[in-house]
């Protein structure tokens, strides 16, 4: 497996970040967005990330090609939750199912403490077996379920909350 590079995202990366995100919308497996999003609509989200506490990393291969991105987003805006972040991993379509998710999630676990993170959480649709398998492989446990909270093309879908304590 090739070595991946992680770097802080810059505004110039937002087009690619959004393109990768939008490539997941049609599958109805990853996001509750029903239509593709615009770069403009993700500006506020982009600005909520910072290199000190809430990183947004672009992931590149050894040819400096962007293969995906990963973010730590605030779980909740109230101060008592500041040590808990939601981790989101998105891969370019051509890079899915090749083991990159494992490298990226291991990087997140290994580096979470540097950002004051005590808990990593992932919100994953119950029918998204590949993502559930990935996070459980790294010891994420079931921390909760939200049954039938999303309606995707007329089908109710449940959300699983997986979590891992970072010591």
N, C-alpha and C. Protein backbone atom coordinates (compact mmCIF):
# COMPACT_ATOMS: atom_id res chain seq x y z
N UNK A 1 0.86 -1.18 0.00
CA UNK A 1 0.00 0.00 0.00
C UNK A 1 0.89 1.23 0.00
N UNK A 2 0.55 2.16 -0.87
CA UNK A 2 1.36 3.38 -0.95
C UNK A 2 1.16 4.26 0.27
N UNK A 3 2.10 5.14 0.47
CA UNK A 3 2.04 6.08 1.59
C UNK A 3 1.17 7.26 1.19
N UNK A 4 0.28 7.63 2.09
CA UNK A 4 -0.59 8.77 1.84
C UNK A 4 -0.07 9.99 2.56
N UNK A 5 -0.37 11.17 2.00
CA UNK A 5 0.01 12.44 2.61
C UNK A 5 -1.25 13.17 3.05
N UNK A 6 -1.17 13.73 4.24
CA UNK A 6 -2.28 14.50 4.80
C UNK A 6 -1.82 15.95 4.93
N UNK A 7 -2.63 16.86 4.43
CA UNK A 7 -2.31 18.27 4.58
C UNK A 7 -3.59 19.05 4.87
N UNK A 8 -3.41 20.18 5.54
CA UNK A 8 -4.56 21.02 5.83
C UNK A 8 -5.16 21.54 4.53
N UNK A 9 -6.48 21.44 4.44
CA UNK A 9 -7.17 21.91 3.25
C UNK A 9 -7.07 23.43 3.15
N UNK A 10 -6.99 23.89 1.93
CA UNK A 10 -7.01 25.32 1.62
C UNK A 10 -8.26 25.60 0.81
N UNK A 11 -8.65 26.85 0.76
CA UNK A 11 -9.86 27.22 0.03
C UNK A 11 -9.81 26.72 -1.42
N UNK A 12 -8.63 26.71 -2.01
CA UNK A 12 -8.48 26.23 -3.39
C UNK A 12 -8.83 24.76 -3.53
N UNK A 13 -8.84 24.00 -2.43
CA UNK A 13 -9.19 22.58 -2.45
C UNK A 13 -10.69 22.34 -2.41
N UNK A 14 -11.45 23.37 -2.12
CA UNK A 14 -12.88 23.16 -1.87
C UNK A 14 -13.61 22.61 -3.08
N UNK A 15 -13.23 22.99 -4.29
CA UNK A 15 -13.87 22.43 -5.49
C UNK A 15 -13.74 20.91 -5.51
N UNK A 16 -12.54 20.41 -5.26
CA UNK A 16 -12.30 18.96 -5.27
C UNK A 16 -13.01 18.28 -4.10
N UNK A 17 -12.98 18.91 -2.93
CA UNK A 17 -13.66 18.36 -1.76
C UNK A 17 -15.15 18.19 -2.06
N UNK A 18 -15.75 19.21 -2.64
CA UNK A 18 -17.18 19.16 -2.97
C UNK A 18 -17.44 18.12 -4.06
N UNK A 19 -16.58 18.03 -5.05
CA UNK A 19 -16.76 17.03 -6.11
C UNK A 19 -16.74 15.62 -5.54
N UNK A 20 -15.82 15.34 -4.63
CA UNK A 20 -15.75 14.02 -4.00
C UNK A 20 -17.01 13.78 -3.18
N UNK A 21 -17.43 14.77 -2.41
CA UNK A 21 -18.66 14.65 -1.63
C UNK A 21 -19.85 14.38 -2.54
N UNK A 22 -19.98 15.16 -3.60
CA UNK A 22 -21.12 15.01 -4.50
C UNK A 22 -21.15 13.64 -5.18
N UNK A 23 -20.00 13.02 -5.34
CA UNK A 23 -19.96 11.69 -5.97
C UNK A 23 -20.63 10.62 -5.12
N UNK A 24 -20.92 10.95 -3.85
CA UNK A 24 -21.57 9.98 -2.96
C UNK A 24 -23.08 10.17 -2.86
N UNK A 25 -23.58 11.29 -3.32
CA UNK A 25 -24.99 11.63 -3.12
C UNK A 25 -25.93 10.61 -3.76
N UNK A 26 -25.70 10.26 -5.00
CA UNK A 26 -26.61 9.39 -5.74
C UNK A 26 -26.73 7.99 -5.14
N UNK A 27 -25.71 7.52 -4.45
CA UNK A 27 -25.74 6.16 -3.90
C UNK A 27 -26.74 6.00 -2.76
N UNK A 28 -27.08 7.11 -2.11
CA UNK A 28 -28.00 7.09 -0.95
C UNK A 28 -27.45 6.23 0.19
N UNK A 29 -26.12 6.08 0.24
CA UNK A 29 -25.47 5.27 1.27
C UNK A 29 -24.72 6.11 2.29
N UNK A 30 -24.29 7.30 1.91
CA UNK A 30 -23.30 8.02 2.70
C UNK A 30 -23.85 9.30 3.31
N UNK A 31 -24.63 10.03 2.56
CA UNK A 31 -25.11 11.33 3.01
C UNK A 31 -26.63 11.42 2.88
N UNK A 32 -27.21 12.29 3.68
CA UNK A 32 -28.66 12.52 3.61
C UNK A 32 -28.98 13.65 2.63
N UNK A 33 -27.98 14.24 2.01
CA UNK A 33 -28.26 15.21 0.95
C UNK A 33 -28.91 14.47 -0.21
N UNK A 34 -29.98 15.04 -0.72
CA UNK A 34 -30.70 14.40 -1.82
C UNK A 34 -30.22 14.90 -3.18
N UNK A 35 -29.59 16.06 -3.18
CA UNK A 35 -29.06 16.63 -4.41
C UNK A 35 -27.62 17.07 -4.16
N UNK A 36 -26.86 17.18 -5.23
CA UNK A 36 -25.49 17.65 -5.10
C UNK A 36 -25.46 19.05 -4.50
N UNK A 37 -24.39 19.34 -3.77
CA UNK A 37 -24.24 20.64 -3.12
C UNK A 37 -23.30 21.52 -3.95
N UNK A 38 -23.37 22.81 -3.71
CA UNK A 38 -22.49 23.75 -4.41
C UNK A 38 -21.29 24.09 -3.53
N UNK A 39 -20.25 24.57 -4.16
CA UNK A 39 -19.08 25.02 -3.41
C UNK A 39 -19.49 26.15 -2.47
N UNK A 40 -20.31 27.05 -2.95
CA UNK A 40 -20.75 28.18 -2.13
C UNK A 40 -21.47 27.71 -0.87
N UNK A 41 -22.28 26.66 -1.01
CA UNK A 41 -23.05 26.16 0.14
C UNK A 41 -22.16 25.51 1.20
N UNK A 42 -20.93 25.17 0.85
CA UNK A 42 -20.02 24.51 1.80
C UNK A 42 -18.98 25.48 2.39
N UNK A 43 -19.05 26.74 2.03
CA UNK A 43 -18.07 27.71 2.54
C UNK A 43 -18.12 27.85 4.06
N UNK A 44 -19.30 27.96 4.63
CA UNK A 44 -19.42 28.10 6.09
C UNK A 44 -18.84 26.86 6.77
N UNK A 45 -19.19 25.68 6.27
CA UNK A 45 -18.67 24.42 6.80
C UNK A 45 -17.14 24.42 6.73
N UNK A 46 -16.59 24.83 5.59
CA UNK A 46 -15.14 24.89 5.41
C UNK A 46 -14.51 25.80 6.46
N UNK A 47 -15.11 26.96 6.68
CA UNK A 47 -14.57 27.94 7.61
C UNK A 47 -14.68 27.51 9.07
N UNK A 48 -15.54 26.54 9.36
CA UNK A 48 -15.67 26.02 10.73
C UNK A 48 -14.50 25.12 11.11
N UNK A 49 -13.68 24.76 10.15
CA UNK A 49 -12.51 23.92 10.40
C UNK A 49 -11.27 24.78 10.56
N UNK A 50 -10.34 24.28 11.38
CA UNK A 50 -9.07 24.98 11.57
C UNK A 50 -8.00 23.96 11.94
N UNK A 51 -6.77 24.33 11.73
CA UNK A 51 -5.66 23.39 11.93
C UNK A 51 -5.32 23.17 13.40
N UNK A 52 -5.92 23.94 14.32
CA UNK A 52 -5.62 23.78 15.74
C UNK A 52 -6.54 22.77 16.45
N UNK A 53 -7.83 22.79 16.12
CA UNK A 53 -8.78 21.94 16.86
C UNK A 53 -9.74 21.16 15.99
N UNK A 54 -10.03 21.63 14.79
CA UNK A 54 -11.01 20.98 13.91
C UNK A 54 -10.45 20.87 12.50
N UNK A 55 -9.49 19.96 12.32
CA UNK A 55 -8.83 19.89 11.01
C UNK A 55 -9.74 19.37 9.89
N UNK A 56 -9.43 19.84 8.72
CA UNK A 56 -9.98 19.33 7.47
C UNK A 56 -8.76 19.03 6.62
N UNK A 57 -8.51 17.73 6.43
CA UNK A 57 -7.32 17.32 5.70
C UNK A 57 -7.66 16.85 4.30
N UNK A 58 -6.85 17.25 3.35
CA UNK A 58 -6.87 16.68 2.02
C UNK A 58 -5.89 15.51 2.05
N UNK A 59 -6.29 14.40 1.47
CA UNK A 59 -5.45 13.20 1.44
C UNK A 59 -4.94 13.02 0.01
N UNK A 60 -3.62 12.91 -0.12
CA UNK A 60 -3.00 12.78 -1.44
C UNK A 60 -2.19 11.50 -1.52
N UNK A 61 -2.10 10.96 -2.74
CA UNK A 61 -1.26 9.79 -2.96
C UNK A 61 0.18 10.22 -3.22
N UNK A 62 1.03 9.27 -3.57
CA UNK A 62 2.44 9.59 -3.77
C UNK A 62 2.70 10.38 -5.06
N UNK A 63 1.66 10.56 -5.87
CA UNK A 63 1.76 11.40 -7.07
C UNK A 63 1.15 12.78 -6.84
N UNK A 64 0.86 13.09 -5.57
CA UNK A 64 0.24 14.36 -5.17
C UNK A 64 -1.16 14.56 -5.74
N UNK A 65 -1.83 13.44 -6.04
CA UNK A 65 -3.21 13.49 -6.51
C UNK A 65 -4.14 13.37 -5.30
N UNK A 66 -5.17 14.20 -5.26
CA UNK A 66 -6.13 14.14 -4.17
C UNK A 66 -6.98 12.88 -4.32
N UNK A 67 -6.92 12.03 -3.31
CA UNK A 67 -7.72 10.80 -3.35
C UNK A 67 -8.91 10.87 -2.40
N UNK A 68 -8.93 11.88 -1.53
CA UNK A 68 -10.04 12.01 -0.60
C UNK A 68 -9.80 13.13 0.39
N UNK A 69 -10.67 13.17 1.39
CA UNK A 69 -10.53 14.15 2.46
C UNK A 69 -11.14 13.58 3.72
N UNK A 70 -10.74 14.17 4.84
CA UNK A 70 -11.24 13.73 6.14
C UNK A 70 -11.36 14.97 7.02
N UNK A 71 -12.41 14.98 7.84
CA UNK A 71 -12.61 16.14 8.71
C UNK A 71 -12.96 15.71 10.12
N UNK A 72 -12.58 16.57 11.06
CA UNK A 72 -13.05 16.52 12.44
C UNK A 72 -14.00 17.71 12.58
N UNK A 73 -15.27 17.43 12.80
CA UNK A 73 -16.26 18.49 12.97
C UNK A 73 -16.80 18.46 14.38
N UNK A 74 -17.15 19.63 14.89
CA UNK A 74 -17.70 19.70 16.24
C UNK A 74 -18.96 18.85 16.32
N UNK A 75 -19.01 18.02 17.35
CA UNK A 75 -20.18 17.18 17.59
C UNK A 75 -21.36 18.03 18.00
N UNK A 76 -21.10 19.04 18.80
CA UNK A 76 -22.15 19.94 19.29
C UNK A 76 -21.48 21.26 19.63
N UNK A 77 -22.21 22.36 19.51
CA UNK A 77 -21.59 23.67 19.76
C UNK A 77 -21.40 24.00 21.23
N UNK A 78 -22.05 23.28 22.14
CA UNK A 78 -21.90 23.59 23.56
C UNK A 78 -20.52 23.16 24.05
N UNK A 79 -19.94 23.99 24.91
CA UNK A 79 -18.54 23.84 25.33
C UNK A 79 -18.22 22.49 25.95
N UNK A 80 -19.14 21.91 26.69
CA UNK A 80 -18.86 20.65 27.37
C UNK A 80 -18.60 19.50 26.39
N UNK A 81 -19.01 19.67 25.14
CA UNK A 81 -18.79 18.64 24.13
C UNK A 81 -17.52 18.87 23.31
N UNK A 82 -16.70 19.83 23.68
CA UNK A 82 -15.57 20.22 22.84
C UNK A 82 -14.56 19.10 22.60
N UNK A 83 -14.50 18.11 23.49
CA UNK A 83 -13.57 17.00 23.32
C UNK A 83 -14.09 15.88 22.44
N UNK A 84 -15.29 16.06 21.90
CA UNK A 84 -15.90 15.04 21.05
C UNK A 84 -16.08 15.61 19.65
N UNK A 85 -15.58 14.87 18.66
CA UNK A 85 -15.71 15.30 17.26
C UNK A 85 -16.31 14.19 16.42
N UNK A 86 -16.99 14.62 15.37
CA UNK A 86 -17.46 13.69 14.35
C UNK A 86 -16.38 13.58 13.29
N UNK A 87 -15.99 12.36 12.98
CA UNK A 87 -15.01 12.15 11.92
C UNK A 87 -15.76 11.74 10.66
N UNK A 88 -15.40 12.37 9.54
CA UNK A 88 -16.01 12.06 8.25
C UNK A 88 -14.90 11.80 7.24
N UNK A 89 -15.02 10.69 6.54
CA UNK A 89 -14.04 10.30 5.53
C UNK A 89 -14.75 10.16 4.19
N UNK A 90 -14.22 10.83 3.18
CA UNK A 90 -14.77 10.73 1.83
C UNK A 90 -13.63 10.45 0.86
N UNK A 91 -13.84 9.44 0.02
CA UNK A 91 -12.83 9.04 -0.96
C UNK A 91 -13.33 9.26 -2.38
N UNK A 92 -12.40 9.61 -3.26
CA UNK A 92 -12.69 9.67 -4.69
C UNK A 92 -13.23 8.30 -5.12
N UNK A 93 -14.16 8.31 -6.06
CA UNK A 93 -14.78 7.05 -6.50
C UNK A 93 -13.75 6.00 -6.90
N UNK A 94 -12.69 6.40 -7.56
CA UNK A 94 -11.69 5.45 -8.04
C UNK A 94 -10.84 4.85 -6.92
N UNK A 95 -10.98 5.38 -5.71
CA UNK A 95 -10.13 4.95 -4.59
C UNK A 95 -10.89 4.17 -3.53
N UNK A 96 -12.16 3.94 -3.73
CA UNK A 96 -12.95 3.22 -2.73
C UNK A 96 -12.70 1.72 -2.81
N UNK A 97 -12.75 1.09 -1.64
CA UNK A 97 -12.58 -0.36 -1.58
C UNK A 97 -11.15 -0.83 -1.77
N UNK A 98 -10.18 0.04 -1.60
CA UNK A 98 -8.77 -0.31 -1.83
C UNK A 98 -7.92 -0.23 -0.56
N UNK A 99 -8.56 -0.05 0.58
CA UNK A 99 -7.82 0.00 1.83
C UNK A 99 -7.41 1.38 2.29
N UNK A 100 -7.70 2.40 1.50
CA UNK A 100 -7.34 3.76 1.89
C UNK A 100 -8.08 4.21 3.14
N UNK A 101 -9.32 3.79 3.27
CA UNK A 101 -10.10 4.16 4.45
C UNK A 101 -9.42 3.73 5.74
N UNK A 102 -8.80 2.56 5.73
CA UNK A 102 -8.09 2.08 6.92
C UNK A 102 -6.91 2.98 7.26
N UNK A 103 -6.15 3.36 6.25
CA UNK A 103 -4.99 4.23 6.49
C UNK A 103 -5.47 5.57 7.05
N UNK A 104 -6.52 6.11 6.47
CA UNK A 104 -7.03 7.41 6.89
C UNK A 104 -7.58 7.36 8.31
N UNK A 105 -8.38 6.34 8.62
CA UNK A 105 -8.96 6.26 9.96
C UNK A 105 -7.87 6.02 11.01
N UNK A 106 -6.87 5.22 10.69
CA UNK A 106 -5.75 5.03 11.63
C UNK A 106 -5.04 6.36 11.89
N UNK A 107 -4.85 7.14 10.85
CA UNK A 107 -4.23 8.46 10.99
C UNK A 107 -5.06 9.34 11.93
N UNK A 108 -6.37 9.30 11.77
CA UNK A 108 -7.26 10.09 12.63
C UNK A 108 -7.13 9.67 14.09
N UNK A 109 -7.13 8.37 14.33
CA UNK A 109 -7.02 7.86 15.70
C UNK A 109 -5.67 8.25 16.29
N UNK A 110 -4.61 8.08 15.51
CA UNK A 110 -3.26 8.37 15.99
C UNK A 110 -3.05 9.85 16.30
N UNK A 111 -3.76 10.73 15.61
CA UNK A 111 -3.53 12.16 15.75
C UNK A 111 -4.61 12.91 16.52
N UNK A 112 -5.68 12.24 16.88
CA UNK A 112 -6.82 12.91 17.53
C UNK A 112 -6.42 13.65 18.80
N UNK A 113 -5.56 13.05 19.61
CA UNK A 113 -5.17 13.67 20.87
C UNK A 113 -4.49 15.02 20.70
N UNK A 114 -3.81 15.22 19.59
CA UNK A 114 -3.13 16.50 19.32
C UNK A 114 -4.11 17.66 19.20
N UNK A 115 -5.37 17.33 18.97
CA UNK A 115 -6.40 18.35 18.76
C UNK A 115 -7.36 18.44 19.95
N UNK A 116 -6.95 17.82 21.07
CA UNK A 116 -7.79 17.86 22.26
C UNK A 116 -8.99 16.94 22.19
N UNK A 117 -8.95 15.98 21.28
CA UNK A 117 -10.08 15.07 21.09
C UNK A 117 -10.00 13.91 22.08
N UNK A 118 -11.09 13.68 22.77
CA UNK A 118 -11.22 12.56 23.70
C UNK A 118 -12.12 11.46 23.14
N UNK A 119 -13.04 11.85 22.27
CA UNK A 119 -13.98 10.90 21.67
C UNK A 119 -14.14 11.19 20.19
N UNK A 120 -14.03 10.13 19.39
CA UNK A 120 -14.36 10.21 17.97
C UNK A 120 -15.72 9.55 17.78
N UNK A 121 -16.60 10.21 17.05
CA UNK A 121 -17.89 9.61 16.72
C UNK A 121 -18.06 9.62 15.21
N UNK A 122 -18.81 8.64 14.75
CA UNK A 122 -19.16 8.55 13.33
C UNK A 122 -20.65 8.29 13.23
N UNK A 123 -21.31 9.03 12.38
CA UNK A 123 -22.74 8.85 12.12
C UNK A 123 -22.86 8.16 10.77
N UNK A 124 -23.32 6.91 10.79
CA UNK A 124 -23.29 6.08 9.59
C UNK A 124 -24.66 5.44 9.38
N UNK A 125 -25.15 5.51 8.14
CA UNK A 125 -26.40 4.82 7.84
C UNK A 125 -26.26 3.33 8.11
N UNK A 126 -27.29 2.74 8.66
CA UNK A 126 -27.27 1.32 9.01
C UNK A 126 -27.07 0.44 7.77
N UNK A 127 -27.48 0.91 6.61
CA UNK A 127 -27.31 0.11 5.38
C UNK A 127 -25.95 0.33 4.72
N UNK A 128 -25.10 1.16 5.31
CA UNK A 128 -23.76 1.40 4.77
C UNK A 128 -22.77 0.42 5.41
N UNK A 129 -22.88 -0.82 4.99
CA UNK A 129 -22.07 -1.90 5.57
C UNK A 129 -20.56 -1.65 5.46
N UNK A 130 -20.04 -1.18 4.32
CA UNK A 130 -18.58 -0.97 4.25
C UNK A 130 -18.07 0.01 5.31
N UNK A 131 -18.79 1.10 5.53
CA UNK A 131 -18.33 2.07 6.53
C UNK A 131 -18.46 1.52 7.94
N UNK A 132 -19.56 0.83 8.23
CA UNK A 132 -19.72 0.23 9.55
C UNK A 132 -18.58 -0.76 9.82
N UNK A 133 -18.26 -1.56 8.83
CA UNK A 133 -17.18 -2.55 8.96
C UNK A 133 -15.84 -1.86 9.22
N UNK A 134 -15.56 -0.78 8.49
CA UNK A 134 -14.31 -0.05 8.66
C UNK A 134 -14.17 0.47 10.08
N UNK A 135 -15.17 1.16 10.57
CA UNK A 135 -15.06 1.76 11.90
C UNK A 135 -15.02 0.69 13.00
N UNK A 136 -15.78 -0.37 12.84
CA UNK A 136 -15.75 -1.44 13.84
C UNK A 136 -14.40 -2.15 13.85
N UNK A 137 -13.74 -2.23 12.71
CA UNK A 137 -12.41 -2.83 12.62
C UNK A 137 -11.44 -2.12 13.57
N UNK A 138 -11.63 -0.82 13.75
CA UNK A 138 -10.77 -0.02 14.61
C UNK A 138 -11.31 0.13 16.03
N UNK A 139 -12.26 -0.70 16.39
CA UNK A 139 -12.75 -0.71 17.76
C UNK A 139 -13.82 0.30 18.09
N UNK A 140 -14.39 0.93 17.09
CA UNK A 140 -15.53 1.81 17.36
C UNK A 140 -16.70 0.94 17.81
N UNK A 141 -17.39 1.41 18.83
CA UNK A 141 -18.50 0.66 19.41
C UNK A 141 -19.82 1.36 19.12
N UNK A 142 -20.90 0.59 19.22
CA UNK A 142 -22.23 1.16 19.04
C UNK A 142 -22.55 2.05 20.24
N UNK A 143 -22.73 3.32 19.97
CA UNK A 143 -23.08 4.27 21.03
C UNK A 143 -24.52 4.72 20.92
N UNK A 144 -25.20 4.33 19.87
CA UNK A 144 -26.60 4.69 19.75
C UNK A 144 -27.15 4.43 18.36
N UNK A 145 -28.46 4.50 18.28
CA UNK A 145 -29.16 4.31 17.01
C UNK A 145 -30.28 5.33 16.91
N UNK A 146 -30.50 5.80 15.72
CA UNK A 146 -31.61 6.69 15.43
C UNK A 146 -32.45 6.01 14.35
N UNK A 147 -33.49 5.29 14.75
CA UNK A 147 -34.25 4.49 13.78
C UNK A 147 -35.08 5.35 12.83
N UNK A 148 -34.98 5.03 11.55
CA UNK A 148 -35.83 5.61 10.51
C UNK A 148 -35.86 7.14 10.53
N UNK A 149 -34.70 7.76 10.70
CA UNK A 149 -34.65 9.23 10.80
C UNK A 149 -34.48 9.92 9.45
N UNK A 150 -34.13 9.18 8.42
CA UNK A 150 -33.94 9.77 7.09
C UNK A 150 -34.83 9.05 6.09
N UNK A 151 -35.34 9.80 5.14
CA UNK A 151 -36.13 9.22 4.06
C UNK A 151 -35.37 9.49 2.76
N UNK A 152 -34.86 8.43 2.18
CA UNK A 152 -34.08 8.52 0.95
C UNK A 152 -34.86 7.85 -0.17
N UNK A 153 -35.33 8.63 -1.11
CA UNK A 153 -36.13 8.11 -2.22
C UNK A 153 -37.30 7.27 -1.73
N UNK A 154 -37.97 7.75 -0.69
CA UNK A 154 -39.15 7.08 -0.17
C UNK A 154 -38.87 5.94 0.78
N UNK A 155 -37.61 5.65 1.05
CA UNK A 155 -37.23 4.55 1.95
C UNK A 155 -36.70 5.14 3.24
N UNK A 156 -37.29 4.74 4.37
CA UNK A 156 -36.79 5.20 5.66
C UNK A 156 -35.48 4.49 5.98
N UNK A 157 -34.51 5.26 6.45
CA UNK A 157 -33.19 4.72 6.77
C UNK A 157 -32.81 5.10 8.20
N UNK A 158 -32.14 4.17 8.86
CA UNK A 158 -31.70 4.38 10.24
C UNK A 158 -30.23 4.79 10.27
N UNK A 159 -29.89 5.50 11.34
CA UNK A 159 -28.53 6.00 11.51
C UNK A 159 -27.92 5.35 12.74
N UNK A 160 -26.71 4.88 12.60
CA UNK A 160 -25.96 4.28 13.70
C UNK A 160 -24.91 5.29 14.16
N UNK A 161 -24.80 5.44 15.48
CA UNK A 161 -23.76 6.28 16.06
C UNK A 161 -22.68 5.35 16.61
N UNK A 162 -21.50 5.43 16.03
CA UNK A 162 -20.36 4.65 16.50
C UNK A 162 -19.39 5.60 17.19
N UNK A 163 -18.76 5.12 18.25
CA UNK A 163 -17.83 5.97 18.97
C UNK A 163 -16.61 5.22 19.46
N UNK A 164 -15.55 5.98 19.68
CA UNK A 164 -14.31 5.42 20.20
C UNK A 164 -13.68 6.44 21.14
N UNK A 165 -13.34 5.97 22.32
CA UNK A 165 -12.64 6.80 23.31
C UNK A 165 -11.17 6.85 22.94
N UNK A 166 -10.59 8.05 22.93
CA UNK A 166 -9.18 8.23 22.63
C UNK A 166 -8.47 8.53 23.95
N UNK A 167 -7.54 7.68 24.34
CA UNK A 167 -6.83 7.86 25.61
C UNK A 167 -5.44 8.40 25.40
